[in-house]
Amino acid sequence: MLGSLYFSEIRQFVPCTMCWYQRICMYPLVLILGIGSFQNDFNVKKIALPLSIIGLLISTWHYLEQKVPGFAEIKPCTQGVPCSSEYINVFEFITIPFLAGTAFLLISLILIFTKKDKAI
């Protein structure tokens, strides 16, 4: 979440439509997982895991639009930032959707492999 806020508020990068969809999945995760961690409630996994997986799928689609020629739709008469534009491109593969996808993947894996400890 802090990364997307940094890029939009400090670096002044205008988010595209796909970026907004990724934010819709990421921002609630901060609250859901934060409250779940504070209360030691493992039931938040039922809500957080689907959000994280959906965000991962959106990030993957967005990354493919940027990196695979012919994958992005041609939209000559639309307003706003096209989803195929790249604000950053580090090492020729690290873009904003790649960073978001990495975060969603890590969250998903942590949720999948986190087990509830049984009280003794």
C-alpha atoms as a PDB file:
ATOM      1  CA  MET A   1       0.000   0.000   0.000  1.00  0.00           C
ATOM      2  CA  LEU A   2       2.784   2.397   0.867  1.00  0.00           C
ATOM      3  CA  GLY A   3       4.427   1.725  -2.492  1.00  0.00           C
ATOM      4  CA  SER A   4       1.324   2.686  -4.466  1.00  0.00           C
ATOM      5  CA  LEU A   5       0.822   5.795  -2.355  1.00  0.00           C
ATOM      6  CA  TYR A   6       4.472   6.752  -2.876  1.00  0.00           C
ATOM      7  CA  PHE A   7       4.212   6.402  -6.648  1.00  0.00           C
ATOM      8  CA  SER A   8       0.946   8.332  -6.912  1.00  0.00           C
ATOM      9  CA  GLU A   9       1.320  11.002  -4.230  1.00  0.00           C
ATOM     10  CA  ILE A  10       5.064  11.692  -4.124  1.00  0.00           C
ATOM     11  CA  ARG A  11       6.283  10.737  -7.616  1.00  0.00           C
ATOM     12  CA  GLN A  12       2.980  12.010  -9.122  1.00  0.00           C
ATOM     13  CA  PHE A  13       2.400   8.919 -11.316  1.00  0.00           C
ATOM     14  CA  VAL A  14      -1.234   8.811 -12.425  1.00  0.00           C
ATOM     15  CA  PRO A  15      -2.645   5.287 -11.854  1.00  0.00           C
ATOM     16  CA  CYS A  16      -4.260   3.506 -14.784  1.00  0.00           C
ATOM     17  CA  THR A  17      -7.490   1.509 -14.533  1.00  0.00           C
ATOM     18  CA  MET A  18      -5.728  -1.779 -13.760  1.00  0.00           C
ATOM     19  CA  CYS A  19      -3.699  -0.062 -11.031  1.00  0.00           C
ATOM     20  CA  TRP A  20      -6.952   1.067  -9.416  1.00  0.00           C
ATOM     21  CA  TYR A  21      -8.286  -2.499  -9.455  1.00  0.00           C
ATOM     22  CA  GLN A  22      -5.103  -3.703  -7.777  1.00  0.00           C
ATOM     23  CA  ARG A  23      -5.491  -1.012  -5.137  1.00  0.00           C
ATOM     24  CA  ILE A  24      -9.076  -2.119  -4.535  1.00  0.00           C
ATOM     25  CA  CYS A  25      -7.654  -5.521  -3.570  1.00  0.00           C
ATOM     26  CA  MET A  26      -4.579  -4.284  -1.674  1.00  0.00           C
ATOM     27  CA  TYR A  27      -5.917  -1.501   0.543  1.00  0.00           C
ATOM     28  CA  PRO A  28      -8.514  -3.611   2.410  1.00  0.00           C
ATOM     29  CA  LEU A  29      -5.829  -6.242   3.032  1.00  0.00           C
ATOM     30  CA  VAL A  30      -3.933  -3.742   5.164  1.00  0.00           C
ATOM     31  CA  LEU A  31      -6.913  -3.304   7.486  1.00  0.00           C
ATOM     32  CA  ILE A  32      -8.064  -6.941   7.431  1.00  0.00           C
ATOM     33  CA  LEU A  33      -4.625  -8.409   8.106  1.00  0.00           C
ATOM     34  CA  GLY A  34      -3.716  -5.667  10.576  1.00  0.00           C
ATOM     35  CA  ILE A  35      -6.841  -6.239  12.672  1.00  0.00           C
ATOM     36  CA  GLY A  36      -6.492 -10.014  12.355  1.00  0.00           C
ATOM     37  CA  SER A  37      -2.877  -9.859  13.548  1.00  0.00           C
ATOM     38  CA  PHE A  38      -3.728  -7.559  16.434  1.00  0.00           C
ATOM     39  CA  GLN A  39      -6.565  -9.823  17.602  1.00  0.00           C
ATOM     40  CA  ASN A  40      -4.685 -13.039  16.756  1.00  0.00           C
ATOM     41  CA  ASP A  41      -7.668 -14.056  14.608  1.00  0.00           C
ATOM     42  CA  PHE A  42      -6.886 -16.646  11.938  1.00  0.00           C
ATOM     43  CA  ASN A  43     -10.396 -16.441  10.482  1.00  0.00           C
ATOM     44  CA  VAL A  44      -9.396 -13.361   8.469  1.00  0.00           C
ATOM     45  CA  LYS A  45      -7.660 -15.814   6.156  1.00  0.00           C
ATOM     46  CA  LYS A  46     -11.064 -16.603   4.613  1.00  0.00           C
ATOM     47  CA  ILE A  47     -11.432 -12.973   3.526  1.00  0.00           C
ATOM     48  CA  ALA A  48      -7.807 -12.012   2.872  1.00  0.00           C
ATOM     49  CA  LEU A  49      -6.752 -14.976   0.733  1.00  0.00           C
ATOM     50  CA  PRO A  50      -9.399 -14.494  -2.001  1.00  0.00           C
ATOM     51  CA  LEU A  51      -8.629 -10.758  -2.130  1.00  0.00           C
ATOM     52  CA  SER A  52      -4.930 -11.494  -2.431  1.00  0.00           C
ATOM     53  CA  ILE A  53      -5.384 -14.085  -5.169  1.00  0.00           C
ATOM     54  CA  ILE A  54      -7.694 -11.787  -7.147  1.00  0.00           C
ATOM     55  CA  GLY A  55      -5.120  -9.008  -6.813  1.00  0.00           C
ATOM     56  CA  LEU A  56      -2.399 -11.391  -8.014  1.00  0.00           C
ATOM     57  CA  LEU A  57      -4.456 -12.286 -11.081  1.00  0.00           C
ATOM     58  CA  ILE A  58      -5.088  -8.609 -11.887  1.00  0.00           C
ATOM     59  CA  SER A  59      -1.378  -7.807 -11.441  1.00  0.00           C
ATOM     60  CA  THR A  60      -0.411 -10.685 -13.713  1.00  0.00           C
ATOM     61  CA  TRP A  61      -2.848  -9.515 -16.402  1.00  0.00           C
ATOM     62  CA  HIS A  62      -1.543  -5.953 -16.089  1.00  0.00           C
ATOM     63  CA  TYR A  63       2.079  -7.099 -16.326  1.00  0.00           C
ATOM     64  CA  LEU A  64       1.281  -9.138 -19.433  1.00  0.00           C
ATOM     65  CA  GLU A  65      -0.327  -6.062 -21.002  1.00  0.00           C
ATOM     66  CA  GLN A  66       2.922  -4.190 -20.444  1.00  0.00           C
ATOM     67  CA  LYS A  67       5.428  -6.827 -21.472  1.00  0.00           C
ATOM     68  CA  VAL A  68       3.834  -9.100 -24.088  1.00  0.00           C
ATOM     69  CA  PRO A  69       3.511  -7.485 -27.524  1.00  0.00           C
ATOM     70  CA  GLY A  70      -0.015  -7.644 -28.869  1.00  0.00           C
ATOM     71  CA  PHE A  71      -1.492  -8.591 -25.490  1.00  0.00           C
ATOM     72  CA  ALA A  72      -2.744  -5.098 -24.683  1.00  0.00           C
ATOM     73  CA  GLU A  73      -5.910  -3.923 -26.335  1.00  0.00           C
ATOM     74  CA  ILE A  74      -5.567  -1.052 -28.750  1.00  0.00           C
ATOM     75  CA  LYS A  75      -7.619   1.842 -27.383  1.00  0.00           C
ATOM     76  CA  PRO A  76      -6.921   4.923 -29.506  1.00  0.00           C
ATOM     77  CA  CYS A  77      -9.774   7.090 -28.181  1.00  0.00           C
ATOM     78  CA  THR A  78      -9.672   6.565 -24.416  1.00  0.00           C
ATOM     79  CA  GLN A  79      -8.833   9.066 -21.727  1.00  0.00           C
ATOM     80  CA  GLY A  80      -6.329   8.633 -18.962  1.00  0.00           C
ATOM     81  CA  VAL A  81      -3.156   6.618 -18.701  1.00  0.00           C
ATOM     82  CA  PRO A  82      -3.030   3.461 -20.827  1.00  0.00           C
ATOM     83  CA  CYS A  83      -2.440   0.274 -18.845  1.00  0.00           C
ATOM     84  CA  SER A  84       0.447  -0.658 -21.119  1.00  0.00           C
ATOM     85  CA  SER A  85       2.522   2.378 -20.084  1.00  0.00           C
ATOM     86  CA  GLU A  86       5.503   1.821 -17.791  1.00  0.00           C
ATOM     87  CA  TYR A  87       6.438   4.511 -15.298  1.00  0.00           C
ATOM     88  CA  ILE A  88       9.351   2.476 -13.993  1.00  0.00           C
ATOM     89  CA  ASN A  89      11.270  -0.336 -15.651  1.00  0.00           C
ATOM     90  CA  VAL A  90      14.191  -1.575 -13.560  1.00  0.00           C
ATOM     91  CA  PHE A  91      16.365  -4.330 -15.065  1.00  0.00           C
ATOM     92  CA  GLU A  92      13.899  -4.447 -17.984  1.00  0.00           C
ATOM     93  CA  PHE A  93      11.330  -6.473 -16.008  1.00  0.00           C
ATOM     94  CA  ILE A  94      10.511  -4.769 -12.697  1.00  0.00           C
ATOM     95  CA  THR A  95       7.481  -2.535 -13.217  1.00  0.00           C
ATOM     96  CA  ILE A  96       4.746  -1.332 -10.873  1.00  0.00           C
ATOM     97  CA  PRO A  97       2.434  -4.313 -11.651  1.00  0.00           C
ATOM     98  CA  PHE A  98       5.392  -6.644 -11.049  1.00  0.00           C
ATOM     99  CA  LEU A  99       5.921  -5.093  -7.608  1.00  0.00           C
ATOM    100  CA  ALA A 100       2.203  -5.353  -6.793  1.00  0.00           C
ATOM    101  CA  GLY A 101       2.104  -8.959  -8.031  1.00  0.00           C
ATOM    102  CA  THR A 102       5.105  -9.824  -5.865  1.00  0.00           C
ATOM    103  CA  ALA A 103       3.357  -8.359  -2.815  1.00  0.00           C
ATOM    104  CA  PHE A 104       0.130 -10.260  -3.577  1.00  0.00           C
ATOM    105  CA  LEU A 105       2.093 -13.487  -4.116  1.00  0.00           C
ATOM    106  CA  LEU A 106       3.951 -13.127  -0.809  1.00  0.00           C
ATOM    107  CA  ILE A 107       0.745 -12.346   1.079  1.00  0.00           C
ATOM    108  CA  SER A 108      -0.986 -15.335  -0.534  1.00  0.00           C
ATOM    109  CA  LEU A 109       1.866 -17.711   0.277  1.00  0.00           C
ATOM    110  CA  ILE A 110       2.088 -16.501   3.863  1.00  0.00           C
ATOM    111  CA  LEU A 111      -1.665 -16.948   4.298  1.00  0.00           C
ATOM    112  CA  ILE A 112      -1.607 -20.417   2.725  1.00  0.00           C
ATOM    113  CA  PHE A 113       1.285 -21.686   4.852  1.00  0.00           C
ATOM    114  CA  THR A 114       0.307 -20.008   8.133  1.00  0.00           C
ATOM    115  CA  LYS A 115      -1.248 -22.511  10.493  1.00  0.00           C
ATOM    116  CA  LYS A 116      -3.164 -21.861  13.644  1.00  0.00           C
ATOM    117  CA  ASP A 117      -1.227 -22.837  16.769  1.00  0.00           C
ATOM    118  CA  LYS A 118      -3.123 -25.052  19.143  1.00  0.00           C
ATOM    119  CA  ALA A 119      -3.242 -23.979  22.760  1.00  0.00           C
ATOM    120  CA  ILE A 120      -1.724 -26.395  25.232  1.00  0.00           C
END
